[in-house]
Amino acid sequence: MDNILGKRIKLLRNESELTQEEFGKKYNLKKSTISQYESSFSRPDDDLKIQICSDFNVTLDWLMGLTDIRNPYENKEGEKFAETNTKDLPQTKTLKDELISLMIRRKIITNDDEINEDMLKMIEKSIETYAELNNSKKVK
């Protein structure tokens, strides 16, 4: 079985020049636990995966091996794309991820494509349209 989760945790740890012990201390875990994650003997719980993603600025899709795009919301220089008024919608990030995944599955884009401003605006517009349709259904 391919251990992409463990490999990616190890990659993040090595890129940050942390030992297993140092990495574990960040999350109140023992070195042996980190070793088990990296070697696929154990898996972190969902809360820890989310915390790792937040701390290392990667998406859960990337950490789990569903995409090779670490963070589709940044350009190559690591700068975040401008937020729009859809940031107030509670499901915006999830819907963005789903739309990007759908675009990859439908071969509209590939994992190697950079998500540019125009593409992000198109995704945001799709989310706004969804939100408007969803709200109109609730009113009826």
C-alpha atoms as a PDB file:
ATOM      1  CA  MET A   1       0.000   0.000   0.000  1.00  0.00           C
ATOM      2  CA  ASP A   2       1.310   3.423  -0.931  1.00  0.00           C
ATOM      3  CA  ASN A   3       1.929   5.565   2.139  1.00  0.00           C
ATOM      4  CA  ILE A   4       1.433   9.015   0.603  1.00  0.00           C
ATOM      5  CA  LEU A   5       0.191  10.536   3.872  1.00  0.00           C
ATOM      6  CA  GLY A   6       3.258   9.363   5.769  1.00  0.00           C
ATOM      7  CA  LYS A   7       5.584  10.445   2.962  1.00  0.00           C
ATOM      8  CA  ARG A   8       4.059  13.911   2.880  1.00  0.00           C
ATOM      9  CA  ILE A   9       4.241  14.328   6.653  1.00  0.00           C
ATOM     10  CA  LYS A  10       7.916  13.351   6.463  1.00  0.00           C
ATOM     11  CA  LEU A  11       8.451  15.746   3.542  1.00  0.00           C
ATOM     12  CA  LEU A  12       6.944  18.663   5.485  1.00  0.00           C
ATOM     13  CA  ARG A  13       8.997  17.762   8.541  1.00  0.00           C
ATOM     14  CA  ASN A  14      12.232  17.516   6.540  1.00  0.00           C
ATOM     15  CA  GLU A  15      11.556  20.748   4.644  1.00  0.00           C
ATOM     16  CA  SER A  16      11.171  22.464   7.996  1.00  0.00           C
ATOM     17  CA  GLU A  17      14.402  20.832   9.181  1.00  0.00           C
ATOM     18  CA  LEU A  18      12.666  19.282  12.160  1.00  0.00           C
ATOM     19  CA  THR A  19      13.519  15.978  13.785  1.00  0.00           C
ATOM     20  CA  GLN A  20      10.715  13.563  14.527  1.00  0.00           C
ATOM     21  CA  GLU A  21      11.011  14.581  18.159  1.00  0.00           C
ATOM     22  CA  GLU A  22      10.766  18.317  17.357  1.00  0.00           C
ATOM     23  CA  PHE A  23       7.839  17.742  15.003  1.00  0.00           C
ATOM     24  CA  GLY A  24       6.088  15.644  17.652  1.00  0.00           C
ATOM     25  CA  LYS A  25       6.538  18.332  20.317  1.00  0.00           C
ATOM     26  CA  LYS A  26       4.578  20.772  18.128  1.00  0.00           C
ATOM     27  CA  TYR A  27       1.579  18.459  18.471  1.00  0.00           C
ATOM     28  CA  ASN A  28       2.280  17.033  21.928  1.00  0.00           C
ATOM     29  CA  LEU A  29       3.219  13.659  20.434  1.00  0.00           C
ATOM     30  CA  LYS A  30       6.130  11.287  20.977  1.00  0.00           C
ATOM     31  CA  LYS A  31       8.873  10.695  18.417  1.00  0.00           C
ATOM     32  CA  SER A  32       7.665   7.101  18.079  1.00  0.00           C
ATOM     33  CA  THR A  33       4.188   8.301  17.076  1.00  0.00           C
ATOM     34  CA  ILE A  34       5.632  10.472  14.290  1.00  0.00           C
ATOM     35  CA  SER A  35       7.733   7.497  13.173  1.00  0.00           C
ATOM     36  CA  GLN A  36       4.581   5.358  13.036  1.00  0.00           C
ATOM     37  CA  TYR A  37       2.793   8.015  10.920  1.00  0.00           C
ATOM     38  CA  GLU A  38       5.706   8.278   8.501  1.00  0.00           C
ATOM     39  CA  SER A  39       6.024   4.496   8.141  1.00  0.00           C
ATOM     40  CA  SER A  40       2.272   3.866   7.768  1.00  0.00           C
ATOM     41  CA  PHE A  41       1.902   1.842  10.970  1.00  0.00           C
ATOM     42  CA  SER A  42      -0.515   4.470  12.254  1.00  0.00           C
ATOM     43  CA  ARG A  43      -2.427   7.464  10.915  1.00  0.00           C
ATOM     44  CA  PRO A  44      -3.059  10.841  12.544  1.00  0.00           C
ATOM     45  CA  ASP A  45      -6.639  11.674  13.431  1.00  0.00           C
ATOM     46  CA  ASP A  46      -8.556  14.183  11.336  1.00  0.00           C
ATOM     47  CA  ASP A  47      -8.014  17.066  13.771  1.00  0.00           C
ATOM     48  CA  LEU A  48      -4.256  16.564  13.633  1.00  0.00           C
ATOM     49  CA  LYS A  49      -4.270  16.354   9.822  1.00  0.00           C
ATOM     50  CA  ILE A  50      -6.149  19.659   9.681  1.00  0.00           C
ATOM     51  CA  GLN A  51      -3.704  21.253  12.136  1.00  0.00           C
ATOM     52  CA  ILE A  52      -0.707  20.052  10.099  1.00  0.00           C
ATOM     53  CA  CYS A  53      -2.266  21.483   6.933  1.00  0.00           C
ATOM     54  CA  SER A  54      -2.832  24.805   8.637  1.00  0.00           C
ATOM     55  CA  ASP A  55       0.660  24.939  10.137  1.00  0.00           C
ATOM     56  CA  PHE A  56       2.396  24.064   6.861  1.00  0.00           C
ATOM     57  CA  ASN A  57       0.039  25.941   4.516  1.00  0.00           C
ATOM     58  CA  VAL A  58      -1.041  22.926   2.473  1.00  0.00           C
ATOM     59  CA  THR A  59      -4.476  21.549   1.688  1.00  0.00           C
ATOM     60  CA  LEU A  60      -5.858  18.332   3.101  1.00  0.00           C
ATOM     61  CA  ASP A  61      -6.235  17.087  -0.487  1.00  0.00           C
ATOM     62  CA  TRP A  62      -2.476  17.500  -0.953  1.00  0.00           C
ATOM     63  CA  LEU A  63      -1.603  15.912   2.383  1.00  0.00           C
ATOM     64  CA  MET A  64      -3.790  12.891   1.596  1.00  0.00           C
ATOM     65  CA  GLY A  65      -2.369  12.527  -1.919  1.00  0.00           C
ATOM     66  CA  LEU A  66      -5.504  13.518  -3.822  1.00  0.00           C
ATOM     67  CA  THR A  67      -3.660  16.306  -5.640  1.00  0.00           C
ATOM     68  CA  ASP A  68      -0.097  17.427  -6.222  1.00  0.00           C
ATOM     69  CA  ILE A  69      -1.039  21.088  -5.765  1.00  0.00           C
ATOM     70  CA  ARG A  70       0.026  22.048  -2.254  1.00  0.00           C
ATOM     71  CA  ASN A  71      -2.112  25.157  -2.065  1.00  0.00           C
ATOM     72  CA  PRO A  72      -4.217  26.216  -5.062  1.00  0.00           C
ATOM     73  CA  TYR A  73      -4.932  29.551  -3.366  1.00  0.00           C
ATOM     74  CA  GLU A  74      -1.365  30.808  -3.757  1.00  0.00           C
ATOM     75  CA  ASN A  75       0.738  31.792  -6.734  1.00  0.00           C
ATOM     76  CA  LYS A  76       4.239  30.427  -7.361  1.00  0.00           C
ATOM     77  CA  GLU A  77       5.766  33.025  -5.018  1.00  0.00           C
ATOM     78  CA  GLY A  78       3.572  31.823  -2.147  1.00  0.00           C
ATOM     79  CA  GLU A  79       1.371  34.934  -2.161  1.00  0.00           C
ATOM     80  CA  LYS A  80      -2.294  34.361  -1.450  1.00  0.00           C
ATOM     81  CA  PHE A  81      -4.817  35.387  -4.104  1.00  0.00           C
ATOM     82  CA  ALA A  82      -7.033  38.305  -3.132  1.00  0.00           C
ATOM     83  CA  GLU A  83     -10.077  37.359  -1.121  1.00  0.00           C
ATOM     84  CA  THR A  84     -13.487  38.255  -2.491  1.00  0.00           C
ATOM     85  CA  ASN A  85     -16.831  38.810  -0.858  1.00  0.00           C
ATOM     86  CA  THR A  86     -17.529  35.057  -0.901  1.00  0.00           C
ATOM     87  CA  LYS A  87     -15.139  34.572   2.025  1.00  0.00           C
ATOM     88  CA  ASP A  88     -18.110  35.116   4.325  1.00  0.00           C
ATOM     89  CA  LEU A  89     -19.838  32.020   2.987  1.00  0.00           C
ATOM     90  CA  PRO A  90     -19.229  29.151   5.408  1.00  0.00           C
ATOM     91  CA  GLN A  91     -18.699  26.539   2.664  1.00  0.00           C
ATOM     92  CA  THR A  92     -16.525  28.621   0.313  1.00  0.00           C
ATOM     93  CA  LYS A  93     -13.229  26.806   0.838  1.00  0.00           C
ATOM     94  CA  THR A  94     -14.829  23.387   0.645  1.00  0.00           C
ATOM     95  CA  LEU A  95     -16.672  24.310  -2.528  1.00  0.00           C
ATOM     96  CA  LYS A  96     -13.477  25.747  -4.058  1.00  0.00           C
ATOM     97  CA  ASP A  97     -11.666  22.504  -3.338  1.00  0.00           C
ATOM     98  CA  GLU A  98     -14.528  20.478  -4.800  1.00  0.00           C
ATOM     99  CA  LEU A  99     -14.650  22.623  -7.938  1.00  0.00           C
ATOM    100  CA  ILE A 100     -10.894  22.357  -8.431  1.00  0.00           C
ATOM    101  CA  SER A 101     -11.042  18.587  -7.911  1.00  0.00           C
ATOM    102  CA  LEU A 102     -13.921  18.352 -10.379  1.00  0.00           C
ATOM    103  CA  MET A 103     -11.975  20.398 -12.940  1.00  0.00           C
ATOM    104  CA  ILE A 104      -9.030  18.023 -12.545  1.00  0.00           C
ATOM    105  CA  ARG A 105     -11.251  14.927 -12.870  1.00  0.00           C
ATOM    106  CA  ARG A 106     -12.910  16.359 -15.980  1.00  0.00           C
ATOM    107  CA  LYS A 107      -9.437  17.169 -17.359  1.00  0.00           C
ATOM    108  CA  ILE A 108     -10.229  20.890 -17.601  1.00  0.00           C
ATOM    109  CA  ILE A 109      -6.997  21.444 -15.675  1.00  0.00           C
ATOM    110  CA  THR A 110      -4.213  19.127 -14.524  1.00  0.00           C
ATOM    111  CA  ASN A 111      -2.524  18.799 -11.156  1.00  0.00           C
ATOM    112  CA  ASP A 112       0.413  20.694 -12.647  1.00  0.00           C
ATOM    113  CA  ASP A 113      -1.647  23.720 -13.728  1.00  0.00           C
ATOM    114  CA  GLU A 114      -1.232  26.887 -11.741  1.00  0.00           C
ATOM    115  CA  ILE A 115      -4.506  28.283 -10.460  1.00  0.00           C
ATOM    116  CA  ASN A 116      -4.381  31.858 -11.760  1.00  0.00           C
ATOM    117  CA  GLU A 117      -6.492  34.908 -10.872  1.00  0.00           C
ATOM    118  CA  ASP A 118      -8.923  34.380 -13.786  1.00  0.00           C
ATOM    119  CA  MET A 119      -9.514  30.758 -12.858  1.00  0.00           C
ATOM    120  CA  LEU A 120     -10.009  31.694  -9.207  1.00  0.00           C
ATOM    121  CA  LYS A 121     -12.535  34.383 -10.220  1.00  0.00           C
ATOM    122  CA  MET A 122     -14.421  31.791 -12.286  1.00  0.00           C
ATOM    123  CA  ILE A 123     -14.490  29.451  -9.287  1.00  0.00           C
ATOM    124  CA  GLU A 124     -15.643  32.285  -7.009  1.00  0.00           C
ATOM    125  CA  LYS A 125     -18.423  33.163  -9.486  1.00  0.00           C
ATOM    126  CA  SER A 126     -19.529  29.520  -9.528  1.00  0.00           C
ATOM    127  CA  ILE A 127     -19.677  29.532  -5.745  1.00  0.00           C
ATOM    128  CA  GLU A 128     -21.669  32.791  -5.712  1.00  0.00           C
ATOM    129  CA  THR A 129     -24.120  31.328  -8.234  1.00  0.00           C
ATOM    130  CA  TYR A 130     -24.482  28.190  -6.123  1.00  0.00           C
ATOM    131  CA  ALA A 131     -25.069  30.278  -2.990  1.00  0.00           C
ATOM    132  CA  GLU A 132     -27.714  32.388  -4.761  1.00  0.00           C
ATOM    133  CA  LEU A 133     -29.509  29.282  -6.040  1.00  0.00           C
ATOM    134  CA  ASN A 134     -29.303  27.638  -2.645  1.00  0.00           C
ATOM    135  CA  ASN A 135     -30.689  30.747  -0.909  1.00  0.00           C
ATOM    136  CA  SER A 136     -33.546  31.078  -3.414  1.00  0.00           C
ATOM    137  CA  LYS A 137     -34.563  27.456  -2.726  1.00  0.00           C
ATOM    138  CA  LYS A 138     -34.746  28.189   1.017  1.00  0.00           C
ATOM    139  CA  VAL A 139     -36.974  31.237   0.468  1.00  0.00           C
ATOM    140  CA  LYS A 140     -39.615  29.296  -1.515  1.00  0.00           C
END
